[in-house]
Amino acid sequence: MDDDTTPSPLHAPITAADVLDWLERAAAAVAEGELPADDLIRLLGELRAASTACANASDWALLAAREAGASLRQIAPVFGRGYVRAPAARLEKLHREVLSAEQFLELLRRRQPGV
């Protein structure tokens, strides 16, 4: 049986520190004139798509955590608030489309172009 000291085998594919490091390098490249506007526009599109993917992954994890028995009080601090309204509102919105994490994943698969 797992306890609180057992590390999770699954981690987010990217961290806030990774993004900040990348952003500092990108800003330096822009300051040096190494990235023209067309490249920055392409990059903007890539980042917006990645942002959507991260938001979808977050929604899936929220649904999965609830299904695994996590309470809204346990989840609330991840939302940066000490109260349960934020995750509860997000769950309510998600439940208008899907009832489970697996249904959400299937919805994402159907929305994926070329799948």
C-alpha atoms as a PDB file:
ATOM      1  CA  MET A   1       0.000   0.000   0.000  1.00  0.00           C
ATOM      2  CA  ASP A   2       1.297   3.485  -0.884  1.00  0.00           C
ATOM      3  CA  ASP A   3       1.872   6.068   1.808  1.00  0.00           C
ATOM      4  CA  ASP A   4       2.596   9.795   1.580  1.00  0.00           C
ATOM      5  CA  THR A   5       6.343   9.179   1.265  1.00  0.00           C
ATOM      6  CA  THR A   6       6.092   6.978  -1.832  1.00  0.00           C
ATOM      7  CA  PRO A   7       6.944   9.058  -4.907  1.00  0.00           C
ATOM      8  CA  SER A   8       4.463   9.027  -7.749  1.00  0.00           C
ATOM      9  CA  PRO A   9       5.738   7.277 -10.871  1.00  0.00           C
ATOM     10  CA  LEU A  10       4.032   9.895 -13.038  1.00  0.00           C
ATOM     11  CA  HIS A  11       5.093  13.536 -13.322  1.00  0.00           C
ATOM     12  CA  ALA A  12       4.005  16.465 -15.447  1.00  0.00           C
ATOM     13  CA  PRO A  13       5.861  16.500 -18.777  1.00  0.00           C
ATOM     14  CA  ILE A  14       6.972  20.081 -18.191  1.00  0.00           C
ATOM     15  CA  THR A  15       7.432  22.262 -15.123  1.00  0.00           C
ATOM     16  CA  ALA A  16       7.132  25.973 -14.462  1.00  0.00           C
ATOM     17  CA  ALA A  17      10.922  26.053 -13.981  1.00  0.00           C
ATOM     18  CA  ASP A  18      11.410  24.465 -17.430  1.00  0.00           C
ATOM     19  CA  VAL A  19       9.191  27.116 -19.003  1.00  0.00           C
ATOM     20  CA  LEU A  20      10.958  29.978 -17.219  1.00  0.00           C
ATOM     21  CA  ASP A  21      14.359  28.668 -18.325  1.00  0.00           C
ATOM     22  CA  TRP A  22      13.141  28.385 -21.918  1.00  0.00           C
ATOM     23  CA  LEU A  23      11.547  31.836 -21.753  1.00  0.00           C
ATOM     24  CA  GLU A  24      14.785  33.429 -20.570  1.00  0.00           C
ATOM     25  CA  ARG A  25      16.676  31.824 -23.457  1.00  0.00           C
ATOM     26  CA  ALA A  26      13.992  32.874 -25.942  1.00  0.00           C
ATOM     27  CA  ALA A  27      14.002  36.449 -24.638  1.00  0.00           C
ATOM     28  CA  ALA A  28      17.765  36.604 -25.051  1.00  0.00           C
ATOM     29  CA  ALA A  29      17.446  35.353 -28.645  1.00  0.00           C
ATOM     30  CA  VAL A  30      14.821  38.020 -29.363  1.00  0.00           C
ATOM     31  CA  ALA A  31      17.005  40.705 -27.788  1.00  0.00           C
ATOM     32  CA  GLU A  32      19.875  39.621 -30.051  1.00  0.00           C
ATOM     33  CA  GLY A  33      17.619  39.854 -33.095  1.00  0.00           C
ATOM     34  CA  GLU A  34      17.817  36.117 -33.764  1.00  0.00           C
ATOM     35  CA  LEU A  35      14.041  35.574 -34.047  1.00  0.00           C
ATOM     36  CA  PRO A  36      12.124  37.478 -36.723  1.00  0.00           C
ATOM     37  CA  ALA A  37       8.421  38.288 -36.343  1.00  0.00           C
ATOM     38  CA  ASP A  38       7.331  35.344 -38.532  1.00  0.00           C
ATOM     39  CA  ASP A  39       9.165  32.910 -36.257  1.00  0.00           C
ATOM     40  CA  LEU A  40       7.645  34.544 -33.185  1.00  0.00           C
ATOM     41  CA  ILE A  41       4.145  34.251 -34.664  1.00  0.00           C
ATOM     42  CA  ARG A  42       4.735  30.546 -35.394  1.00  0.00           C
ATOM     43  CA  LEU A  43       6.050  30.156 -31.859  1.00  0.00           C
ATOM     44  CA  LEU A  44       2.986  31.899 -30.473  1.00  0.00           C
ATOM     45  CA  GLY A  45       0.759  29.361 -32.215  1.00  0.00           C
ATOM     46  CA  GLU A  46       2.804  26.477 -30.825  1.00  0.00           C
ATOM     47  CA  LEU A  47       2.614  27.906 -27.308  1.00  0.00           C
ATOM     48  CA  ARG A  48      -1.139  28.451 -27.506  1.00  0.00           C
ATOM     49  CA  ALA A  49      -1.619  24.842 -28.640  1.00  0.00           C
ATOM     50  CA  ALA A  50       0.638  23.628 -25.825  1.00  0.00           C
ATOM     51  CA  SER A  51      -1.285  25.769 -23.334  1.00  0.00           C
ATOM     52  CA  THR A  52      -4.544  24.157 -24.417  1.00  0.00           C
ATOM     53  CA  ALA A  53      -2.961  20.710 -24.110  1.00  0.00           C
ATOM     54  CA  CYS A  54      -1.768  21.514 -20.570  1.00  0.00           C
ATOM     55  CA  ALA A  55      -5.215  22.816 -19.597  1.00  0.00           C
ATOM     56  CA  ASN A  56      -6.780  19.611 -20.938  1.00  0.00           C
ATOM     57  CA  ALA A  57      -4.282  17.503 -18.994  1.00  0.00           C
ATOM     58  CA  SER A  58      -5.096  19.493 -15.863  1.00  0.00           C
ATOM     59  CA  ASP A  59      -8.826  18.923 -16.349  1.00  0.00           C
ATOM     60  CA  TRP A  60      -8.247  15.208 -16.855  1.00  0.00           C
ATOM     61  CA  ALA A  61      -6.135  15.026 -13.670  1.00  0.00           C
ATOM     62  CA  LEU A  62      -8.864  16.859 -11.736  1.00  0.00           C
ATOM     63  CA  LEU A  63     -11.493  14.370 -12.879  1.00  0.00           C
ATOM     64  CA  ALA A  64      -9.177  11.422 -12.193  1.00  0.00           C
ATOM     65  CA  ALA A  65      -8.267  12.697  -8.724  1.00  0.00           C
ATOM     66  CA  ARG A  66     -11.931  12.959  -7.757  1.00  0.00           C
ATOM     67  CA  GLU A  67     -12.584   9.473  -9.127  1.00  0.00           C
ATOM     68  CA  ALA A  68      -9.639   8.210  -7.064  1.00  0.00           C
ATOM     69  CA  GLY A  69     -11.292   9.605  -3.926  1.00  0.00           C
ATOM     70  CA  ALA A  70      -9.640  12.996  -3.468  1.00  0.00           C
ATOM     71  CA  SER A  71     -11.849  15.544  -1.716  1.00  0.00           C
ATOM     72  CA  LEU A  72     -12.380  19.081  -2.942  1.00  0.00           C
ATOM     73  CA  ARG A  73     -10.597  20.266   0.212  1.00  0.00           C
ATOM     74  CA  GLN A  74      -7.539  18.249  -0.791  1.00  0.00           C
ATOM     75  CA  ILE A  75      -7.650  19.590  -4.347  1.00  0.00           C
ATOM     76  CA  ALA A  76      -8.337  23.262  -3.510  1.00  0.00           C
ATOM     77  CA  PRO A  77      -4.733  24.263  -2.624  1.00  0.00           C
ATOM     78  CA  VAL A  78      -3.580  23.217  -6.107  1.00  0.00           C
ATOM     79  CA  PHE A  79      -5.909  25.892  -7.471  1.00  0.00           C
ATOM     80  CA  GLY A  80      -4.113  28.466  -5.312  1.00  0.00           C
ATOM     81  CA  ARG A  81      -7.054  29.021  -3.035  1.00  0.00           C
ATOM     82  CA  GLY A  82      -7.940  27.727   0.370  1.00  0.00           C
ATOM     83  CA  TYR A  83     -11.564  27.101  -0.508  1.00  0.00           C
ATOM     84  CA  VAL A  84     -13.294  24.521  -2.652  1.00  0.00           C
ATOM     85  CA  ARG A  85     -15.289  26.769  -5.003  1.00  0.00           C
ATOM     86  CA  ALA A  86     -12.643  26.869  -7.754  1.00  0.00           C
ATOM     87  CA  PRO A  87     -12.248  23.103  -8.240  1.00  0.00           C
ATOM     88  CA  ALA A  88     -15.968  22.564  -7.645  1.00  0.00           C
ATOM     89  CA  ALA A  89     -16.862  25.067 -10.364  1.00  0.00           C
ATOM     90  CA  ARG A  90     -14.372  23.484 -12.765  1.00  0.00           C
ATOM     91  CA  LEU A  91     -15.758  20.007 -12.070  1.00  0.00           C
ATOM     92  CA  GLU A  92     -19.293  21.277 -12.619  1.00  0.00           C
ATOM     93  CA  LYS A  93     -18.302  22.712 -15.982  1.00  0.00           C
ATOM     94  CA  LEU A  94     -16.503  19.496 -16.991  1.00  0.00           C
ATOM     95  CA  HIS A  95     -19.451  17.354 -15.938  1.00  0.00           C
ATOM     96  CA  ARG A  96     -21.652  19.205 -18.424  1.00  0.00           C
ATOM     97  CA  GLU A  97     -19.666  17.400 -21.151  1.00  0.00           C
ATOM     98  CA  VAL A  98     -18.363  14.220 -19.534  1.00  0.00           C
ATOM     99  CA  LEU A  99     -18.922  12.126 -16.434  1.00  0.00           C
ATOM    100  CA  SER A 100     -15.495  10.559 -16.042  1.00  0.00           C
ATOM    101  CA  ALA A 101     -11.800  11.027 -16.749  1.00  0.00           C
ATOM    102  CA  GLU A 102     -11.999   8.247 -19.350  1.00  0.00           C
ATOM    103  CA  GLN A 103     -14.871   9.994 -21.148  1.00  0.00           C
ATOM    104  CA  PHE A 104     -12.856  13.224 -21.130  1.00  0.00           C
ATOM    105  CA  LEU A 105      -9.869  11.438 -22.645  1.00  0.00           C
ATOM    106  CA  GLU A 106     -12.109   9.956 -25.337  1.00  0.00           C
ATOM    107  CA  LEU A 107     -13.515  13.430 -26.051  1.00  0.00           C
ATOM    108  CA  LEU A 108      -9.971  14.759 -26.477  1.00  0.00           C
ATOM    109  CA  ARG A 109      -9.150  11.898 -28.840  1.00  0.00           C
ATOM    110  CA  ARG A 110     -12.185  12.715 -30.989  1.00  0.00           C
ATOM    111  CA  ARG A 111     -11.270  16.409 -31.084  1.00  0.00           C
ATOM    112  CA  GLN A 112      -7.677  15.666 -32.134  1.00  0.00           C
ATOM    113  CA  PRO A 113      -7.247  16.403 -35.848  1.00  0.00           C
ATOM    114  CA  GLY A 114      -6.366  13.368 -37.918  1.00  0.00           C
ATOM    115  CA  VAL A 115      -7.451  10.807 -35.312  1.00  0.00           C
END
